[in-house]
Amino acid sequence: MTFAFFSLFGCTNAQEKQLVSVDYQRYGMRSDDRICIYVRKTAETYTVKFEKGDYKENGSTSFEITQSDFDALARILFGMSKPHRERRGYIRDLTQSLDVKFIKTGRRVSRSYSINQRMNKKTAELQRQAIDLMYRWIDRYKQQFEIRVTYSKGIATPTEIYTHAEPAELVEDLGVFVERLDPDRDKQTGGRNDYSHRWRALKPGLATVWLQELDMGYDPSKLTEEFEPCGCYIIDENLHVQYSKEETEAARERFKNQRIRDGEDFGE
């Protein structure tokens, strides 16, 4: 009886608050410095809508998340204190707001947090965690449609990372992303940072990527002639990207055979 009582109490307490929606908006001084994330619960569906850039671009992306993802966000938000009043005459070159709507004991409740409010340390940290979690969802969704090659590079080494992808019409080069900075980079002369180079899939097909760390001033057009491929990736009709071990091994074998033939021709 005691176990049943506490189980019932726990269930009731968990259902006391039910998250309905979350809106995160960030605006800078430029018209294209705009990020909006909208999270919604509809029946048994949990959706995320992401917008970035100028309004005129209308470049929104929508995708579904799991209930466990949604519940994780709810647990973070429900630990935040009630928002304080806006500080009058407080001006920044950045506007940021987090609007939360939920149902508490059958009543709809709205809470709006902004960058112009004073927050205690716990609430500020929880807000950061909530925003970071939503960004991770977006990054996880984007990863399906991207080639990502990770690497580590020494902080003070006189080298550069050179990349190449072909056929060029299959992918868009997104550039370098910082994955992790060495925490002791300011305390020592050595150390390494972690990065990733990314390409977005544009068309179905087989894309081949080269990535090499070489001395500065190297001609990247020679990568395909002097180095074997880093990897091959299959892009399907839905633009989902998958690394292919078989295609990679085959491409490296073709490179080695070509080098042998070139050596034989040179010897002749």
C-alpha atoms as a PDB file:
ATOM      1  CA  MET A   1       0.000   0.000   0.000  1.00  0.00           C
ATOM      2  CA  THR A   2       2.846   2.380   0.872  1.00  0.00           C
ATOM      3  CA  PHE A   3       4.602   1.631  -2.441  1.00  0.00           C
ATOM      4  CA  ALA A   4       1.385   2.198  -4.370  1.00  0.00           C
ATOM      5  CA  PHE A   5       0.814   5.499  -2.572  1.00  0.00           C
ATOM      6  CA  PHE A   6       4.251   6.882  -3.389  1.00  0.00           C
ATOM      7  CA  SER A   7       4.015   5.660  -6.986  1.00  0.00           C
ATOM      8  CA  LEU A   8       0.711   7.450  -7.386  1.00  0.00           C
ATOM      9  CA  PHE A   9       2.115  10.583  -5.777  1.00  0.00           C
ATOM     10  CA  GLY A  10       5.137  10.567  -8.071  1.00  0.00           C
ATOM     11  CA  CYS A  11       2.969  10.175 -11.162  1.00  0.00           C
ATOM     12  CA  THR A  12       0.717  13.029 -10.085  1.00  0.00           C
ATOM     13  CA  ASN A  13       3.669  15.257  -9.337  1.00  0.00           C
ATOM     14  CA  ALA A  14       5.263  14.519 -12.731  1.00  0.00           C
ATOM     15  CA  GLN A  15       2.038  15.421 -14.518  1.00  0.00           C
ATOM     16  CA  GLU A  16       1.571  18.652 -12.560  1.00  0.00           C
ATOM     17  CA  LYS A  17       3.488  20.546 -15.276  1.00  0.00           C
ATOM     18  CA  GLN A  18       3.288  19.725 -18.971  1.00  0.00           C
ATOM     19  CA  LEU A  19       5.442  21.641 -21.424  1.00  0.00           C
ATOM     20  CA  VAL A  20       3.538  22.885 -24.476  1.00  0.00           C
ATOM     21  CA  SER A  21       5.923  25.090 -26.461  1.00  0.00           C
ATOM     22  CA  VAL A  22       9.246  26.927 -26.365  1.00  0.00           C
ATOM     23  CA  ASP A  23      10.287  29.892 -28.530  1.00  0.00           C
ATOM     24  CA  TYR A  24      13.896  31.056 -28.620  1.00  0.00           C
ATOM     25  CA  GLN A  25      14.743  34.195 -30.595  1.00  0.00           C
ATOM     26  CA  ARG A  26      18.044  35.986 -31.034  1.00  0.00           C
ATOM     27  CA  TYR A  27      18.547  39.182 -33.055  1.00  0.00           C
ATOM     28  CA  GLY A  28      21.764  41.138 -33.630  1.00  0.00           C
ATOM     29  CA  MET A  29      22.308  44.537 -35.193  1.00  0.00           C
ATOM     30  CA  ARG A  30      22.434  43.227 -38.781  1.00  0.00           C
ATOM     31  CA  SER A  31      19.274  42.049 -40.528  1.00  0.00           C
ATOM     32  CA  ASP A  32      20.852  38.678 -41.309  1.00  0.00           C
ATOM     33  CA  ASP A  33      21.973  38.138 -37.687  1.00  0.00           C
ATOM     34  CA  ARG A  34      18.798  36.323 -36.703  1.00  0.00           C
ATOM     35  CA  ILE A  35      18.148  32.894 -35.168  1.00  0.00           C
ATOM     36  CA  CYS A  36      14.738  31.550 -34.161  1.00  0.00           C
ATOM     37  CA  ILE A  37      13.928  28.116 -32.736  1.00  0.00           C
ATOM     38  CA  TYR A  38      10.340  26.987 -32.150  1.00  0.00           C
ATOM     39  CA  VAL A  39       9.589  23.762 -30.261  1.00  0.00           C
ATOM     40  CA  ARG A  40       6.038  22.429 -30.256  1.00  0.00           C
ATOM     41  CA  LYS A  41       4.114  19.503 -28.794  1.00  0.00           C
ATOM     42  CA  THR A  42       1.087  18.452 -30.859  1.00  0.00           C
ATOM     43  CA  ALA A  43      -0.735  15.310 -29.735  1.00  0.00           C
ATOM     44  CA  GLU A  44       2.072  12.706 -29.784  1.00  0.00           C
ATOM     45  CA  THR A  45       4.312  14.659 -32.159  1.00  0.00           C
ATOM     46  CA  TYR A  46       7.224  16.843 -31.074  1.00  0.00           C
ATOM     47  CA  THR A  47       8.522  19.236 -33.721  1.00  0.00           C
ATOM     48  CA  VAL A  48      11.325  21.779 -34.021  1.00  0.00           C
ATOM     49  CA  LYS A  49      11.360  24.659 -36.506  1.00  0.00           C
ATOM     50  CA  PHE A  50      14.631  26.470 -37.065  1.00  0.00           C
ATOM     51  CA  GLU A  51      15.119  29.772 -38.896  1.00  0.00           C
ATOM     52  CA  LYS A  52      18.405  31.547 -39.543  1.00  0.00           C
ATOM     53  CA  GLY A  53      19.248  34.696 -41.472  1.00  0.00           C
ATOM     54  CA  ASP A  54      17.188  37.482 -42.975  1.00  0.00           C
ATOM     55  CA  TYR A  55      13.385  37.238 -43.050  1.00  0.00           C
ATOM     56  CA  LYS A  56      13.486  37.576 -46.828  1.00  0.00           C
ATOM     57  CA  GLU A  57      15.460  34.358 -47.154  1.00  0.00           C
ATOM     58  CA  ASN A  58      12.632  32.319 -45.633  1.00  0.00           C
ATOM     59  CA  GLY A  59      15.088  29.539 -44.942  1.00  0.00           C
ATOM     60  CA  SER A  60      13.262  27.553 -42.279  1.00  0.00           C
ATOM     61  CA  THR A  61      13.881  23.902 -41.431  1.00  0.00           C
ATOM     62  CA  SER A  62      11.443  21.633 -39.592  1.00  0.00           C
ATOM     63  CA  PHE A  63      12.001  18.191 -38.115  1.00  0.00           C
ATOM     64  CA  GLU A  64      10.683  15.909 -35.371  1.00  0.00           C
ATOM     65  CA  ILE A  65      12.343  15.000 -32.082  1.00  0.00           C
ATOM     66  CA  THR A  66      11.571  12.182 -29.667  1.00  0.00           C
ATOM     67  CA  GLN A  67       9.514  12.439 -26.510  1.00  0.00           C
ATOM     68  CA  SER A  68      12.650  11.805 -24.446  1.00  0.00           C
ATOM     69  CA  ASP A  69      14.277  14.836 -26.135  1.00  0.00           C
ATOM     70  CA  PHE A  70      11.235  16.962 -25.352  1.00  0.00           C
ATOM     71  CA  ASP A  71      11.094  15.708 -21.749  1.00  0.00           C
ATOM     72  CA  ALA A  72      14.795  16.537 -21.273  1.00  0.00           C
ATOM     73  CA  LEU A  73      14.095  20.122 -22.317  1.00  0.00           C
ATOM     74  CA  ALA A  74      11.089  20.284 -19.982  1.00  0.00           C
ATOM     75  CA  ARG A  75      13.153  19.145 -16.983  1.00  0.00           C
ATOM     76  CA  ILE A  76      15.660  21.935 -17.580  1.00  0.00           C
ATOM     77  CA  LEU A  77      13.030  24.646 -18.056  1.00  0.00           C
ATOM     78  CA  PHE A  78      10.962  23.626 -15.033  1.00  0.00           C
ATOM     79  CA  GLY A  79      14.012  24.178 -12.818  1.00  0.00           C
ATOM     80  CA  MET A  80      14.154  27.878 -13.765  1.00  0.00           C
ATOM     81  CA  SER A  81      12.791  30.538 -11.409  1.00  0.00           C
ATOM     82  CA  LYS A  82      10.006  32.879 -12.457  1.00  0.00           C
ATOM     83  CA  PRO A  83      11.223  35.721 -14.717  1.00  0.00           C
ATOM     84  CA  HIS A  84      11.929  39.165 -13.262  1.00  0.00           C
ATOM     85  CA  ARG A  85      10.796  42.472 -14.700  1.00  0.00           C
ATOM     86  CA  GLU A  86      12.614  44.102 -17.601  1.00  0.00           C
ATOM     87  CA  ARG A  87      15.272  46.648 -16.655  1.00  0.00           C
ATOM     88  CA  ARG A  88      14.186  50.057 -17.916  1.00  0.00           C
ATOM     89  CA  GLY A  89      16.460  51.950 -20.252  1.00  0.00           C
ATOM     90  CA  TYR A  90      18.731  48.951 -20.615  1.00  0.00           C
ATOM     91  CA  ILE A  91      19.969  48.869 -24.221  1.00  0.00           C
ATOM     92  CA  ARG A  92      22.088  46.212 -25.901  1.00  0.00           C
ATOM     93  CA  ASP A  93      23.128  45.513 -29.468  1.00  0.00           C
ATOM     94  CA  LEU A  94      21.703  42.022 -28.978  1.00  0.00           C
ATOM     95  CA  THR A  95      18.113  40.943 -28.361  1.00  0.00           C
ATOM     96  CA  GLN A  96      17.521  37.492 -26.929  1.00  0.00           C
ATOM     97  CA  SER A  97      14.345  35.969 -25.517  1.00  0.00           C
ATOM     98  CA  LEU A  98      13.079  32.589 -24.348  1.00  0.00           C
ATOM     99  CA  ASP A  99       9.299  32.124 -24.154  1.00  0.00           C
ATOM    100  CA  VAL A 100       7.992  29.046 -22.354  1.00  0.00           C
ATOM    101  CA  LYS A 101       4.381  27.846 -22.274  1.00  0.00           C
ATOM    102  CA  PHE A 102       3.165  24.960 -20.149  1.00  0.00           C
ATOM    103  CA  ILE A 103       0.127  23.601 -18.361  1.00  0.00           C
ATOM    104  CA  LYS A 104       0.189  23.520 -14.570  1.00  0.00           C
ATOM    105  CA  THR A 105      -2.644  21.749 -12.767  1.00  0.00           C
ATOM    106  CA  GLY A 106      -4.903  22.318 -15.771  1.00  0.00           C
ATOM    107  CA  ARG A 107      -4.048  26.010 -16.165  1.00  0.00           C
ATOM    108  CA  ARG A 108      -1.994  27.472 -19.052  1.00  0.00           C
ATOM    109  CA  VAL A 109       1.063  29.388 -17.910  1.00  0.00           C
ATOM    110  CA  SER A 110       3.432  31.578 -19.944  1.00  0.00           C
ATOM    111  CA  ARG A 111       6.894  32.688 -18.897  1.00  0.00           C
ATOM    112  CA  SER A 112       9.093  35.049 -20.887  1.00  0.00           C
ATOM    113  CA  TYR A 113      12.793  35.442 -20.201  1.00  0.00           C
ATOM    114  CA  SER A 114      14.936  38.083 -21.900  1.00  0.00           C
ATOM    115  CA  ILE A 115      18.491  39.335 -21.898  1.00  0.00           C
ATOM    116  CA  ASN A 116      17.320  42.516 -20.141  1.00  0.00           C
ATOM    117  CA  GLN A 117      16.171  40.666 -17.020  1.00  0.00           C
ATOM    118  CA  ARG A 118      18.201  39.959 -13.931  1.00  0.00           C
ATOM    119  CA  MET A 119      18.558  36.219 -13.312  1.00  0.00           C
ATOM    120  CA  ASN A 120      19.997  34.261 -10.458  1.00  0.00           C
ATOM    121  CA  LYS A 121      22.969  32.050 -11.244  1.00  0.00           C
ATOM    122  CA  LYS A 122      20.949  28.813 -11.359  1.00  0.00           C
ATOM    123  CA  THR A 123      18.307  30.174 -13.747  1.00  0.00           C
ATOM    124  CA  ALA A 124      20.915  31.689 -16.051  1.00  0.00           C
ATOM    125  CA  GLU A 125      22.770  28.369 -16.198  1.00  0.00           C
ATOM    126  CA  LEU A 126      19.572  26.406 -16.884  1.00  0.00           C
ATOM    127  CA  GLN A 127      18.628  28.808 -19.661  1.00  0.00           C
ATOM    128  CA  ARG A 128      22.032  28.254 -21.240  1.00  0.00           C
ATOM    129  CA  GLN A 129      21.559  24.477 -20.993  1.00  0.00           C
ATOM    130  CA  ALA A 130      18.122  24.689 -22.630  1.00  0.00           C
ATOM    131  CA  ILE A 131      19.415  26.758 -25.540  1.00  0.00           C
ATOM    132  CA  ASP A 132      22.450  24.492 -25.966  1.00  0.00           C
ATOM    133  CA  LEU A 133      20.182  21.425 -26.040  1.00  0.00           C
ATOM    134  CA  MET A 134      18.049  22.885 -28.841  1.00  0.00           C
ATOM    135  CA  TYR A 135      21.173  23.751 -30.821  1.00  0.00           C
ATOM    136  CA  ARG A 136      22.386  20.152 -30.409  1.00  0.00           C
ATOM    137  CA  TRP A 137      19.099  18.878 -31.866  1.00  0.00           C
ATOM    138  CA  ILE A 138      19.588  21.109 -34.896  1.00  0.00           C
ATOM    139  CA  ASP A 139      23.196  20.014 -35.293  1.00  0.00           C
ATOM    140  CA  ARG A 140      22.165  16.345 -35.049  1.00  0.00           C
ATOM    141  CA  TYR A 141      19.527  16.889 -37.744  1.00  0.00           C
ATOM    142  CA  LYS A 142      21.967  18.680 -40.060  1.00  0.00           C
ATOM    143  CA  GLN A 143      24.557  15.937 -39.641  1.00  0.00           C
ATOM    144  CA  GLN A 144      22.401  13.562 -41.717  1.00  0.00           C
ATOM    145  CA  PHE A 145      22.963  15.764 -44.768  1.00  0.00           C
ATOM    146  CA  GLU A 146      26.639  16.594 -44.274  1.00  0.00           C
ATOM    147  CA  ILE A 147      30.056  15.076 -44.764  1.00  0.00           C
ATOM    148  CA  ARG A 148      32.006  15.735 -41.577  1.00  0.00           C
ATOM    149  CA  VAL A 149      35.700  14.930 -41.340  1.00  0.00           C
ATOM    150  CA  THR A 150      37.142  15.468 -37.867  1.00  0.00           C
ATOM    151  CA  TYR A 151      40.792  16.109 -37.119  1.00  0.00           C
ATOM    152  CA  SER A 152      43.154  17.444 -34.453  1.00  0.00           C
ATOM    153  CA  LYS A 153      45.779  20.107 -35.109  1.00  0.00           C
ATOM    154  CA  GLY A 154      48.628  21.482 -33.031  1.00  0.00           C
ATOM    155  CA  ILE A 155      48.151  25.063 -31.877  1.00  0.00           C
ATOM    156  CA  ALA A 156      51.585  26.406 -32.800  1.00  0.00           C
ATOM    157  CA  THR A 157      52.496  24.126 -35.728  1.00  0.00           C
ATOM    158  CA  PRO A 158      53.562  25.881 -38.987  1.00  0.00           C
ATOM    159  CA  THR A 159      51.168  23.789 -41.059  1.00  0.00           C
ATOM    160  CA  GLU A 160      47.744  24.086 -42.624  1.00  0.00           C
ATOM    161  CA  ILE A 161      44.879  21.675 -43.266  1.00  0.00           C
ATOM    162  CA  TYR A 162      44.105  21.341 -46.994  1.00  0.00           C
ATOM    163  CA  THR A 163      40.861  19.840 -48.251  1.00  0.00           C
ATOM    164  CA  HIS A 164      39.263  18.926 -51.544  1.00  0.00           C
ATOM    165  CA  ALA A 165      35.974  17.256 -52.503  1.00  0.00           C
ATOM    166  CA  GLU A 166      34.751  15.991 -55.877  1.00  0.00           C
ATOM    167  CA  PRO A 167      32.617  15.965 -57.890  1.00  0.00           C
ATOM    168  CA  ALA A 168      32.242  19.605 -56.858  1.00  0.00           C
ATOM    169  CA  GLU A 169      28.596  19.814 -57.944  1.00  0.00           C
ATOM    170  CA  LEU A 170      27.554  17.191 -55.368  1.00  0.00           C
ATOM    171  CA  VAL A 171      28.522  19.149 -52.245  1.00  0.00           C
ATOM    172  CA  GLU A 172      28.823  22.650 -50.820  1.00  0.00           C
ATOM    173  CA  ASP A 173      31.931  23.437 -48.786  1.00  0.00           C
ATOM    174  CA  LEU A 174      30.832  24.721 -45.364  1.00  0.00           C
ATOM    175  CA  GLY A 175      34.359  25.235 -44.045  1.00  0.00           C
ATOM    176  CA  VAL A 176      35.965  24.567 -40.666  1.00  0.00           C
ATOM    177  CA  PHE A 177      34.135  24.175 -37.345  1.00  0.00           C
ATOM    178  CA  VAL A 178      35.736  24.168 -33.901  1.00  0.00           C
ATOM    179  CA  GLU A 179      34.815  21.024 -31.969  1.00  0.00           C
ATOM    180  CA  ARG A 180      37.023  21.517 -28.921  1.00  0.00           C
ATOM    181  CA  LEU A 181      39.624  24.039 -27.817  1.00  0.00           C
ATOM    182  CA  ASP A 182      42.497  22.859 -25.664  1.00  0.00           C
ATOM    183  CA  PRO A 183      41.602  24.082 -22.136  1.00  0.00           C
ATOM    184  CA  ASP A 184      45.295  24.724 -21.362  1.00  0.00           C
ATOM    185  CA  ARG A 185      46.056  26.526 -24.634  1.00  0.00           C
ATOM    186  CA  ASP A 186      46.899  29.785 -22.794  1.00  0.00           C
ATOM    187  CA  LYS A 187      49.125  28.079 -20.234  1.00  0.00           C
ATOM    188  CA  GLN A 188      51.518  26.211 -22.499  1.00  0.00           C
ATOM    189  CA  THR A 189      53.326  26.476 -25.808  1.00  0.00           C
ATOM    190  CA  GLY A 190      52.014  23.128 -27.073  1.00  0.00           C
ATOM    191  CA  GLY A 191      48.543  21.634 -27.135  1.00  0.00           C
ATOM    192  CA  ARG A 192      46.046  20.652 -29.813  1.00  0.00           C
ATOM    193  CA  ASN A 193      42.555  21.750 -30.819  1.00  0.00           C
ATOM    194  CA  ASP A 194      39.887  19.569 -32.420  1.00  0.00           C
ATOM    195  CA  TYR A 195      38.088  20.627 -35.599  1.00  0.00           C
ATOM    196  CA  SER A 196      35.810  19.316 -38.323  1.00  0.00           C
ATOM    197  CA  HIS A 197      35.597  20.230 -42.001  1.00  0.00           C
ATOM    198  CA  ARG A 198      32.090  19.952 -43.397  1.00  0.00           C
ATOM    199  CA  TRP A 199      30.385  19.695 -46.760  1.00  0.00           C
ATOM    200  CA  ARG A 200      26.602  19.866 -47.300  1.00  0.00           C
ATOM    201  CA  ALA A 201      25.088  17.374 -49.752  1.00  0.00           C
ATOM    202  CA  LEU A 202      23.477  19.004 -52.807  1.00  0.00           C
ATOM    203  CA  LYS A 203      22.851  16.102 -55.200  1.00  0.00           C
ATOM    204  CA  PRO A 204      22.773  12.288 -55.007  1.00  0.00           C
ATOM    205  CA  GLY A 205      25.965  10.488 -55.956  1.00  0.00           C
ATOM    206  CA  LEU A 206      29.359   9.371 -54.673  1.00  0.00           C
ATOM    207  CA  ALA A 207      31.545  12.129 -53.205  1.00  0.00           C
ATOM    208  CA  THR A 208      35.250  11.700 -52.482  1.00  0.00           C
ATOM    209  CA  VAL A 209      37.117  13.838 -49.966  1.00  0.00           C
ATOM    210  CA  TRP A 210      40.806  14.585 -49.434  1.00  0.00           C
ATOM    211  CA  LEU A 211      42.217  16.069 -46.222  1.00  0.00           C
ATOM    212  CA  GLN A 212      45.902  16.505 -45.409  1.00  0.00           C
ATOM    213  CA  GLU A 213      47.991  18.519 -42.949  1.00  0.00           C
ATOM    214  CA  LEU A 214      50.897  19.999 -44.923  1.00  0.00           C
ATOM    215  CA  ASP A 215      53.377  22.850 -44.859  1.00  0.00           C
ATOM    216  CA  MET A 216      51.931  26.280 -45.483  1.00  0.00           C
ATOM    217  CA  GLY A 217      51.941  27.373 -49.116  1.00  0.00           C
ATOM    218  CA  TYR A 218      51.025  23.977 -50.551  1.00  0.00           C
ATOM    219  CA  ASP A 219      49.035  23.934 -53.807  1.00  0.00           C
ATOM    220  CA  PRO A 220      45.722  22.184 -52.880  1.00  0.00           C
ATOM    221  CA  SER A 221      45.058  21.299 -56.531  1.00  0.00           C
ATOM    222  CA  LYS A 222      47.760  18.616 -56.186  1.00  0.00           C
ATOM    223  CA  LEU A 223      45.988  16.761 -53.373  1.00  0.00           C
ATOM    224  CA  THR A 224      44.261  14.279 -55.702  1.00  0.00           C
ATOM    225  CA  GLU A 225      47.555  13.524 -57.454  1.00  0.00           C
ATOM    226  CA  GLU A 226      49.820  13.184 -54.430  1.00  0.00           C
ATOM    227  CA  PHE A 227      47.603  11.733 -51.686  1.00  0.00           C
ATOM    228  CA  GLU A 228      45.068   8.946 -51.393  1.00  0.00           C
ATOM    229  CA  PRO A 229      41.473   9.923 -50.539  1.00  0.00           C
ATOM    230  CA  CYS A 230      40.451  10.511 -46.936  1.00  0.00           C
ATOM    231  CA  GLY A 231      37.030   8.943 -47.517  1.00  0.00           C
ATOM    232  CA  CYS A 232      34.141   8.274 -49.899  1.00  0.00           C
ATOM    233  CA  TYR A 233      30.524   9.110 -49.058  1.00  0.00           C
ATOM    234  CA  ILE A 234      27.300   7.945 -50.645  1.00  0.00           C
ATOM    235  CA  ILE A 235      24.585  10.610 -50.997  1.00  0.00           C
ATOM    236  CA  ASP A 236      21.133   9.072 -51.514  1.00  0.00           C
ATOM    237  CA  GLU A 237      18.019  10.528 -53.138  1.00  0.00           C
ATOM    238  CA  ASN A 238      16.993  12.166 -49.852  1.00  0.00           C
ATOM    239  CA  LEU A 239      20.458  13.743 -49.585  1.00  0.00           C
ATOM    240  CA  HIS A 240      21.324  11.591 -46.584  1.00  0.00           C
ATOM    241  CA  VAL A 241      25.064  11.022 -46.325  1.00  0.00           C
ATOM    242  CA  GLN A 242      26.736   7.763 -45.355  1.00  0.00           C
ATOM    243  CA  TYR A 243      30.427   6.894 -45.202  1.00  0.00           C
ATOM    244  CA  SER A 244      31.320   3.935 -47.431  1.00  0.00           C
ATOM    245  CA  LYS A 245      34.214   1.769 -46.284  1.00  0.00           C
ATOM    246  CA  GLU A 246      34.075  -0.289 -49.486  1.00  0.00           C
ATOM    247  CA  GLU A 247      34.175   2.729 -51.797  1.00  0.00           C
ATOM    248  CA  THR A 248      36.956   4.300 -49.732  1.00  0.00           C
ATOM    249  CA  GLU A 249      39.129   1.190 -49.929  1.00  0.00           C
ATOM    250  CA  ALA A 250      38.464   0.908 -53.660  1.00  0.00           C
ATOM    251  CA  ALA A 251      39.414   4.564 -54.236  1.00  0.00           C
ATOM    252  CA  ARG A 252      42.629   4.159 -52.241  1.00  0.00           C
ATOM    253  CA  GLU A 253      43.478   1.027 -54.210  1.00  0.00           C
ATOM    254  CA  ARG A 254      42.960   2.877 -57.500  1.00  0.00           C
ATOM    255  CA  PHE A 255      45.238   5.650 -56.237  1.00  0.00           C
ATOM    256  CA  LYS A 256      47.995   3.186 -55.326  1.00  0.00           C
ATOM    257  CA  ASN A 257      47.722   1.414 -58.678  1.00  0.00           C
ATOM    258  CA  GLN A 258      47.881   4.730 -60.511  1.00  0.00           C
ATOM    259  CA  ARG A 259      50.995   5.708 -58.557  1.00  0.00           C
ATOM    260  CA  ILE A 260      52.595   2.402 -59.515  1.00  0.00           C
ATOM    261  CA  ARG A 261      51.738   2.935 -63.185  1.00  0.00           C
ATOM    262  CA  ASP A 262      53.055   6.489 -63.051  1.00  0.00           C
ATOM    263  CA  GLY A 263      56.293   5.186 -61.508  1.00  0.00           C
ATOM    264  CA  GLU A 264      56.667   2.530 -64.185  1.00  0.00           C
ATOM    265  CA  ASP A 265      56.049   5.083 -66.914  1.00  0.00           C
ATOM    266  CA  PHE A 266      58.620   7.394 -65.361  1.00  0.00           C
ATOM    267  CA  GLY A 267      61.125   4.553 -65.169  1.00  0.00           C
ATOM    268  CA  GLU A 268      60.698   3.865 -68.855  1.00  0.00           C
END
